Amino acid sequence: MLNSKKNPPETMRAENPVDDHKQAAVHFLKLVETGQIEEAYQRYAAVNGKHHNPYFRAGFPALQKGKQANHDQFPNMRLTVKNVIGVGDLVAVHSQVVQSPGEQGMAAVHIFRFEGDKFVEFWDCGEPAPAESQNEDGMF
């Protein structure tokens, strides 16, 4: 796991752009998790990028403001990365997100489309984890 307070270690820099994008997507989410939202956007998001979250106005500035408001409301939110998939310019990060300690949390998928070293498009969706599940394999 990448330390969210530091740059990705140079030893982890990949020769493959897909691997670089995977690391960038995870690092972006870990920065957001720890409240370093401005740094996350400055470092990894294209200024004129677009997102597809229906709860916020178009454009990354609106989504960034929403992520800051979410962090202010849930400062103890934790995001645990379960799977990262990269193909071409797309990266999908499957995570468990717990907004407050003691909650069941939710399964979340964040999808990033990269151009160069910045993501230019972003999708996110989630499914609340039920208190009881018929599936003994669980959500994660």
N, C-alpha and C. Protein backbone atom coordinates (compact mmCIF):
# COMPACT_ATOMS: atom_id res chain seq x y z
N MET A 1 0.85 -1.18 0.00
CA MET A 1 0.00 0.00 0.00
C MET A 1 0.90 1.24 0.00
N LEU A 2 0.50 2.20 -0.77
CA LEU A 2 1.28 3.44 -0.85
C LEU A 2 1.02 4.30 0.37
N ASN A 3 2.04 4.96 0.87
CA ASN A 3 1.88 5.90 1.95
C ASN A 3 1.26 7.15 1.36
N SER A 4 0.09 7.54 1.86
CA SER A 4 -0.65 8.65 1.27
C SER A 4 -0.01 10.00 1.53
N LYS A 5 0.94 10.08 2.42
CA LYS A 5 1.55 11.36 2.74
C LYS A 5 2.81 11.64 1.93
N LYS A 6 3.23 10.69 1.14
CA LYS A 6 4.46 10.85 0.38
C LYS A 6 4.19 10.55 -1.09
N ASN A 7 5.13 10.91 -1.92
CA ASN A 7 5.06 10.53 -3.32
C ASN A 7 5.15 9.02 -3.42
N PRO A 8 4.57 8.44 -4.48
CA PRO A 8 4.82 7.01 -4.67
C PRO A 8 6.33 6.79 -4.75
N PRO A 9 6.85 5.78 -4.05
CA PRO A 9 8.30 5.55 -4.06
C PRO A 9 8.82 5.38 -5.47
N GLU A 10 9.97 5.96 -5.74
CA GLU A 10 10.57 5.86 -7.07
C GLU A 10 10.81 4.40 -7.45
N THR A 11 11.06 3.56 -6.46
CA THR A 11 11.29 2.15 -6.77
C THR A 11 10.03 1.49 -7.28
N MET A 12 8.88 2.11 -7.06
CA MET A 12 7.62 1.55 -7.52
C MET A 12 7.20 2.12 -8.86
N ARG A 13 7.93 3.09 -9.39
CA ARG A 13 7.60 3.66 -10.69
C ARG A 13 7.69 2.57 -11.74
N ALA A 14 6.65 2.41 -12.48
CA ALA A 14 6.58 1.31 -13.44
C ALA A 14 7.09 1.74 -14.81
N GLU A 15 7.55 0.77 -15.56
CA GLU A 15 7.93 1.01 -16.95
C GLU A 15 6.68 1.10 -17.81
N ASN A 16 5.60 0.56 -17.34
CA ASN A 16 4.35 0.47 -18.08
C ASN A 16 3.42 1.59 -17.65
N PRO A 17 2.89 2.41 -18.58
CA PRO A 17 1.99 3.50 -18.19
C PRO A 17 0.74 3.00 -17.47
N VAL A 18 0.25 1.80 -17.80
CA VAL A 18 -0.93 1.28 -17.10
C VAL A 18 -0.63 1.10 -15.62
N ASP A 19 0.55 0.58 -15.30
CA ASP A 19 0.92 0.41 -13.89
C ASP A 19 1.07 1.77 -13.21
N ASP A 20 1.65 2.75 -13.91
CA ASP A 20 1.74 4.11 -13.35
C ASP A 20 0.35 4.66 -13.06
N HIS A 21 -0.58 4.46 -13.97
CA HIS A 21 -1.95 4.95 -13.79
C HIS A 21 -2.63 4.24 -12.62
N LYS A 22 -2.40 2.95 -12.48
CA LYS A 22 -2.97 2.22 -11.34
C LYS A 22 -2.45 2.79 -10.03
N GLN A 23 -1.14 3.03 -9.96
CA GLN A 23 -0.56 3.61 -8.74
C GLN A 23 -1.11 5.01 -8.48
N ALA A 24 -1.26 5.81 -9.54
CA ALA A 24 -1.77 7.17 -9.39
C ALA A 24 -3.22 7.16 -8.89
N ALA A 25 -4.04 6.26 -9.42
CA ALA A 25 -5.44 6.19 -9.00
C ALA A 25 -5.54 5.82 -7.52
N VAL A 26 -4.77 4.83 -7.10
CA VAL A 26 -4.80 4.42 -5.69
C VAL A 26 -4.27 5.55 -4.81
N HIS A 27 -3.19 6.19 -5.22
CA HIS A 27 -2.62 7.26 -4.41
C HIS A 27 -3.59 8.43 -4.32
N PHE A 28 -4.28 8.76 -5.41
CA PHE A 28 -5.31 9.80 -5.38
C PHE A 28 -6.35 9.48 -4.31
N LEU A 29 -6.88 8.25 -4.32
CA LEU A 29 -7.91 7.88 -3.35
C LEU A 29 -7.38 7.90 -1.92
N LYS A 30 -6.13 7.49 -1.71
CA LYS A 30 -5.57 7.52 -0.36
C LYS A 30 -5.36 8.96 0.12
N LEU A 31 -4.97 9.85 -0.78
CA LEU A 31 -4.86 11.27 -0.40
C LEU A 31 -6.23 11.81 -0.01
N VAL A 32 -7.25 11.48 -0.77
CA VAL A 32 -8.61 11.93 -0.45
C VAL A 32 -9.03 11.36 0.90
N GLU A 33 -8.74 10.10 1.13
CA GLU A 33 -9.09 9.45 2.40
C GLU A 33 -8.52 10.21 3.59
N THR A 34 -7.31 10.70 3.47
CA THR A 34 -6.64 11.36 4.59
C THR A 34 -6.87 12.87 4.61
N GLY A 35 -7.80 13.35 3.77
CA GLY A 35 -8.14 14.77 3.79
C GLY A 35 -7.23 15.66 2.98
N GLN A 36 -6.32 15.08 2.22
CA GLN A 36 -5.40 15.86 1.40
C GLN A 36 -5.99 16.03 0.00
N ILE A 37 -7.19 16.56 -0.05
CA ILE A 37 -7.98 16.60 -1.26
C ILE A 37 -7.41 17.58 -2.28
N GLU A 38 -7.00 18.74 -1.82
CA GLU A 38 -6.42 19.71 -2.75
C GLU A 38 -5.16 19.13 -3.41
N GLU A 39 -4.31 18.52 -2.62
CA GLU A 39 -3.10 17.91 -3.18
C GLU A 39 -3.44 16.80 -4.17
N ALA A 40 -4.44 15.98 -3.83
CA ALA A 40 -4.85 14.89 -4.71
C ALA A 40 -5.26 15.42 -6.08
N TYR A 41 -6.06 16.48 -6.08
CA TYR A 41 -6.53 17.04 -7.35
C TYR A 41 -5.41 17.75 -8.10
N GLN A 42 -4.58 18.49 -7.41
CA GLN A 42 -3.47 19.18 -8.08
C GLN A 42 -2.52 18.18 -8.73
N ARG A 43 -2.30 17.09 -8.06
CA ARG A 43 -1.31 16.12 -8.51
C ARG A 43 -1.80 15.21 -9.62
N TYR A 44 -3.08 14.81 -9.55
CA TYR A 44 -3.54 13.74 -10.43
C TYR A 44 -4.70 14.08 -11.36
N ALA A 45 -5.44 15.16 -11.10
CA ALA A 45 -6.62 15.46 -11.91
C ALA A 45 -6.32 16.55 -12.93
N ALA A 46 -6.79 16.35 -14.16
CA ALA A 46 -6.66 17.38 -15.19
C ALA A 46 -7.63 18.52 -14.86
N VAL A 47 -7.18 19.74 -15.04
CA VAL A 47 -7.97 20.92 -14.68
C VAL A 47 -9.35 20.90 -15.34
N ASN A 48 -9.42 20.54 -16.60
CA ASN A 48 -10.68 20.57 -17.34
C ASN A 48 -11.36 19.21 -17.43
N GLY A 49 -11.04 18.31 -16.51
CA GLY A 49 -11.61 16.98 -16.55
C GLY A 49 -13.09 16.98 -16.22
N LYS A 50 -13.73 15.83 -16.49
CA LYS A 50 -15.15 15.71 -16.19
C LYS A 50 -15.41 14.46 -15.36
N HIS A 51 -16.49 14.53 -14.58
CA HIS A 51 -16.90 13.40 -13.75
C HIS A 51 -18.36 13.09 -14.07
N HIS A 52 -18.83 11.95 -13.57
CA HIS A 52 -20.19 11.50 -13.87
C HIS A 52 -20.98 11.21 -12.60
N ASN A 53 -20.67 11.90 -11.51
CA ASN A 53 -21.39 11.74 -10.26
C ASN A 53 -22.64 12.64 -10.33
N PRO A 54 -23.84 12.07 -10.23
CA PRO A 54 -25.06 12.86 -10.41
C PRO A 54 -25.37 13.82 -9.24
N TYR A 55 -24.63 13.72 -8.16
CA TYR A 55 -24.90 14.55 -6.99
C TYR A 55 -24.14 15.87 -6.98
N PHE A 56 -23.28 16.08 -7.98
CA PHE A 56 -22.47 17.31 -8.04
C PHE A 56 -22.53 17.90 -9.44
N ARG A 57 -22.42 19.21 -9.49
CA ARG A 57 -22.38 19.89 -10.79
C ARG A 57 -21.20 19.37 -11.60
N ALA A 58 -21.24 19.62 -12.88
CA ALA A 58 -20.19 19.16 -13.79
C ALA A 58 -18.85 19.81 -13.43
N GLY A 59 -17.78 19.13 -13.78
CA GLY A 59 -16.43 19.66 -13.60
C GLY A 59 -15.77 19.18 -12.32
N PHE A 60 -14.46 19.03 -12.39
CA PHE A 60 -13.71 18.57 -11.23
C PHE A 60 -13.75 19.54 -10.04
N PRO A 61 -13.81 20.86 -10.24
CA PRO A 61 -13.89 21.74 -9.06
C PRO A 61 -15.11 21.43 -8.18
N ALA A 62 -16.25 21.13 -8.80
CA ALA A 62 -17.45 20.81 -8.01
C ALA A 62 -17.27 19.49 -7.27
N LEU A 63 -16.69 18.50 -7.93
CA LEU A 63 -16.47 17.21 -7.27
C LEU A 63 -15.44 17.35 -6.15
N GLN A 64 -14.41 18.13 -6.37
CA GLN A 64 -13.40 18.37 -5.33
C GLN A 64 -14.05 19.01 -4.11
N LYS A 65 -14.90 19.99 -4.33
CA LYS A 65 -15.61 20.64 -3.22
C LYS A 65 -16.50 19.63 -2.48
N GLY A 66 -17.14 18.74 -3.23
CA GLY A 66 -17.97 17.70 -2.61
C GLY A 66 -17.15 16.73 -1.80
N LYS A 67 -15.98 16.36 -2.29
CA LYS A 67 -15.11 15.45 -1.54
C LYS A 67 -14.61 16.11 -0.26
N GLN A 68 -14.35 17.41 -0.32
CA GLN A 68 -13.93 18.12 0.90
C GLN A 68 -15.07 18.15 1.91
N ALA A 69 -16.29 18.42 1.45
CA ALA A 69 -17.45 18.43 2.34
C ALA A 69 -17.67 17.05 2.95
N ASN A 70 -17.48 16.00 2.15
CA ASN A 70 -17.63 14.64 2.65
C ASN A 70 -16.58 14.34 3.72
N HIS A 71 -15.34 14.79 3.48
CA HIS A 71 -14.29 14.57 4.47
C HIS A 71 -14.58 15.36 5.76
N ASP A 72 -15.10 16.56 5.62
CA ASP A 72 -15.45 17.36 6.80
C ASP A 72 -16.53 16.65 7.62
N GLN A 73 -17.49 16.02 6.94
CA GLN A 73 -18.57 15.31 7.62
C GLN A 73 -18.12 13.97 8.18
N PHE A 74 -17.20 13.29 7.48
CA PHE A 74 -16.74 11.96 7.87
C PHE A 74 -15.21 11.93 7.93
N PRO A 75 -14.61 12.63 8.91
CA PRO A 75 -13.14 12.72 8.96
C PRO A 75 -12.45 11.38 9.25
N ASN A 76 -13.19 10.40 9.75
CA ASN A 76 -12.61 9.09 10.06
C ASN A 76 -12.89 8.05 8.98
N MET A 77 -13.33 8.50 7.80
CA MET A 77 -13.60 7.59 6.70
C MET A 77 -12.35 6.81 6.36
N ARG A 78 -12.55 5.51 6.08
CA ARG A 78 -11.43 4.66 5.69
C ARG A 78 -11.77 3.96 4.37
N LEU A 79 -10.79 3.90 3.50
CA LEU A 79 -10.92 3.25 2.20
C LEU A 79 -9.87 2.16 2.13
N THR A 80 -10.31 0.93 1.94
CA THR A 80 -9.41 -0.20 1.83
C THR A 80 -9.50 -0.74 0.42
N VAL A 81 -8.42 -0.63 -0.32
CA VAL A 81 -8.39 -1.10 -1.70
C VAL A 81 -8.38 -2.62 -1.71
N LYS A 82 -9.28 -3.19 -2.52
CA LYS A 82 -9.38 -4.64 -2.65
C LYS A 82 -8.83 -5.13 -3.98
N ASN A 83 -9.13 -4.41 -5.07
CA ASN A 83 -8.68 -4.80 -6.40
C ASN A 83 -8.42 -3.56 -7.24
N VAL A 84 -7.42 -3.65 -8.10
CA VAL A 84 -7.12 -2.56 -9.04
C VAL A 84 -6.92 -3.20 -10.41
N ILE A 85 -7.65 -2.70 -11.39
CA ILE A 85 -7.58 -3.23 -12.74
C ILE A 85 -7.26 -2.08 -13.69
N GLY A 86 -6.28 -2.29 -14.55
CA GLY A 86 -5.92 -1.28 -15.54
C GLY A 86 -5.87 -1.87 -16.93
N VAL A 87 -6.53 -1.19 -17.87
CA VAL A 87 -6.52 -1.61 -19.27
C VAL A 87 -6.49 -0.34 -20.12
N GLY A 88 -5.47 -0.22 -20.94
CA GLY A 88 -5.37 0.96 -21.79
C GLY A 88 -5.28 2.22 -20.94
N ASP A 89 -6.20 3.16 -21.17
CA ASP A 89 -6.19 4.43 -20.42
C ASP A 89 -7.14 4.41 -19.22
N LEU A 90 -7.75 3.25 -18.93
CA LEU A 90 -8.72 3.14 -17.85
C LEU A 90 -8.17 2.36 -16.65
N VAL A 91 -8.52 2.84 -15.46
CA VAL A 91 -8.19 2.15 -14.22
C VAL A 91 -9.46 2.06 -13.38
N ALA A 92 -9.74 0.88 -12.84
CA ALA A 92 -10.87 0.68 -11.93
C ALA A 92 -10.30 0.25 -10.57
N VAL A 93 -10.76 0.91 -9.52
CA VAL A 93 -10.34 0.58 -8.16
C VAL A 93 -11.58 0.14 -7.38
N HIS A 94 -11.57 -1.11 -6.93
CA HIS A 94 -12.65 -1.68 -6.12
C HIS A 94 -12.20 -1.58 -4.66
N SER A 95 -13.04 -0.97 -3.82
CA SER A 95 -12.64 -0.71 -2.44
C SER A 95 -13.78 -0.98 -1.47
N GLN A 96 -13.41 -1.11 -0.21
CA GLN A 96 -14.36 -1.07 0.88
C GLN A 96 -14.23 0.30 1.52
N VAL A 97 -15.34 1.02 1.60
CA VAL A 97 -15.35 2.36 2.19
C VAL A 97 -16.20 2.31 3.46
N VAL A 98 -15.62 2.74 4.57
CA VAL A 98 -16.34 2.83 5.84
C VAL A 98 -16.28 4.30 6.25
N GLN A 99 -17.45 4.96 6.28
CA GLN A 99 -17.46 6.39 6.57
C GLN A 99 -17.25 6.69 8.05
N SER A 100 -17.78 5.84 8.93
CA SER A 100 -17.62 6.03 10.37
C SER A 100 -17.30 4.69 11.02
N PRO A 101 -16.43 4.68 12.02
CA PRO A 101 -16.08 3.43 12.70
C PRO A 101 -17.33 2.69 13.18
N GLY A 102 -17.31 1.38 13.02
CA GLY A 102 -18.42 0.55 13.46
C GLY A 102 -19.49 0.31 12.41
N GLU A 103 -19.45 1.04 11.31
CA GLU A 103 -20.42 0.85 10.24
C GLU A 103 -20.02 -0.35 9.37
N GLN A 104 -20.99 -0.91 8.65
CA GLN A 104 -20.71 -2.00 7.71
C GLN A 104 -19.93 -1.48 6.52
N GLY A 105 -20.18 -0.25 6.15
CA GLY A 105 -19.49 0.33 5.01
C GLY A 105 -20.17 0.00 3.70
N MET A 106 -19.41 0.13 2.64
CA MET A 106 -19.94 -0.11 1.31
C MET A 106 -18.84 -0.56 0.37
N ALA A 107 -19.27 -1.22 -0.69
CA ALA A 107 -18.35 -1.54 -1.78
C ALA A 107 -18.40 -0.35 -2.73
N ALA A 108 -17.25 0.12 -3.16
CA ALA A 108 -17.17 1.25 -4.08
C ALA A 108 -16.27 0.88 -5.25
N VAL A 109 -16.63 1.42 -6.41
CA VAL A 109 -15.79 1.29 -7.59
C VAL A 109 -15.55 2.69 -8.13
N HIS A 110 -14.30 3.05 -8.28
CA HIS A 110 -13.89 4.33 -8.86
C HIS A 110 -13.19 4.02 -10.18
N ILE A 111 -13.64 4.66 -11.24
CA ILE A 111 -13.05 4.43 -12.56
C ILE A 111 -12.43 5.73 -13.04
N PHE A 112 -11.19 5.65 -13.47
CA PHE A 112 -10.42 6.80 -13.92
C PHE A 112 -10.04 6.60 -15.39
N ARG A 113 -10.15 7.64 -16.20
CA ARG A 113 -9.60 7.62 -17.56
C ARG A 113 -8.46 8.62 -17.62
N PHE A 114 -7.30 8.12 -17.97
CA PHE A 114 -6.08 8.93 -17.97
C PHE A 114 -5.70 9.41 -19.36
N GLU A 115 -5.13 10.59 -19.39
CA GLU A 115 -4.37 11.11 -20.54
C GLU A 115 -3.05 11.59 -19.96
N GLY A 116 -1.98 10.94 -20.35
CA GLY A 116 -0.68 11.25 -19.74
C GLY A 116 -0.69 10.85 -18.29
N ASP A 117 -0.19 11.74 -17.43
CA ASP A 117 -0.11 11.41 -16.00
C ASP A 117 -1.27 11.96 -15.18
N LYS A 118 -2.32 12.45 -15.84
CA LYS A 118 -3.49 13.00 -15.13
C LYS A 118 -4.74 12.25 -15.59
N PHE A 119 -5.70 12.14 -14.67
CA PHE A 119 -6.96 11.57 -15.13
C PHE A 119 -7.87 12.70 -15.60
N VAL A 120 -8.58 12.43 -16.67
CA VAL A 120 -9.40 13.44 -17.34
C VAL A 120 -10.89 13.13 -17.23
N GLU A 121 -11.19 11.92 -16.76
CA GLU A 121 -12.60 11.53 -16.61
C GLU A 121 -12.69 10.57 -15.43
N PHE A 122 -13.83 10.64 -14.72
CA PHE A 122 -13.96 9.91 -13.46
C PHE A 122 -15.40 9.47 -13.26
N TRP A 123 -15.58 8.21 -12.89
CA TRP A 123 -16.88 7.65 -12.53
C TRP A 123 -16.75 7.04 -11.13
N ASP A 124 -17.84 7.04 -10.37
CA ASP A 124 -17.84 6.33 -9.10
C ASP A 124 -19.23 5.80 -8.81
N CYS A 125 -19.27 4.63 -8.17
CA CYS A 125 -20.54 4.04 -7.77
C CYS A 125 -20.29 3.20 -6.52
N GLY A 126 -21.36 2.96 -5.77
CA GLY A 126 -21.20 2.21 -4.53
C GLY A 126 -22.44 1.39 -4.21
N GLU A 127 -22.23 0.39 -3.38
CA GLU A 127 -23.31 -0.47 -2.91
C GLU A 127 -23.14 -0.68 -1.41
N PRO A 128 -24.15 -0.29 -0.62
CA PRO A 128 -24.04 -0.48 0.83
C PRO A 128 -23.89 -1.96 1.18
N ALA A 129 -23.05 -2.24 2.16
CA ALA A 129 -22.88 -3.60 2.65
C ALA A 129 -24.01 -3.91 3.63
N PRO A 130 -24.76 -4.97 3.40
CA PRO A 130 -25.84 -5.30 4.33
C PRO A 130 -25.29 -5.84 5.64
N ALA A 131 -26.06 -5.68 6.70
CA ALA A 131 -25.64 -6.20 8.01
C ALA A 131 -25.55 -7.72 7.96
N GLU A 132 -26.44 -8.35 7.20
CA GLU A 132 -26.42 -9.80 7.03
C GLU A 132 -26.49 -10.10 5.55
N SER A 133 -25.75 -11.11 5.12
CA SER A 133 -25.70 -11.47 3.71
C SER A 133 -26.00 -12.95 3.55
N GLN A 134 -26.74 -13.28 2.52
CA GLN A 134 -26.98 -14.68 2.20
C GLN A 134 -25.74 -15.32 1.58
N ASN A 135 -24.84 -14.50 1.10
CA ASN A 135 -23.63 -14.99 0.43
C ASN A 135 -22.51 -15.12 1.44
N GLU A 136 -22.14 -16.35 1.75
CA GLU A 136 -21.09 -16.57 2.75
C GLU A 136 -19.71 -16.13 2.26
N ASP A 137 -19.56 -15.85 0.96
CA ASP A 137 -18.30 -15.32 0.44
C ASP A 137 -18.15 -13.84 0.77
N GLY A 138 -19.22 -13.15 1.12
CA GLY A 138 -19.17 -11.74 1.47
C GLY A 138 -18.97 -10.85 0.25
N MET A 139 -18.91 -9.56 0.47
CA MET A 139 -18.74 -8.60 -0.62
C MET A 139 -17.29 -8.40 -1.00
N PHE A 140 -16.38 -8.81 -0.13
CA PHE A 140 -14.96 -8.55 -0.38
C PHE A 140 -14.17 -9.84 -0.32
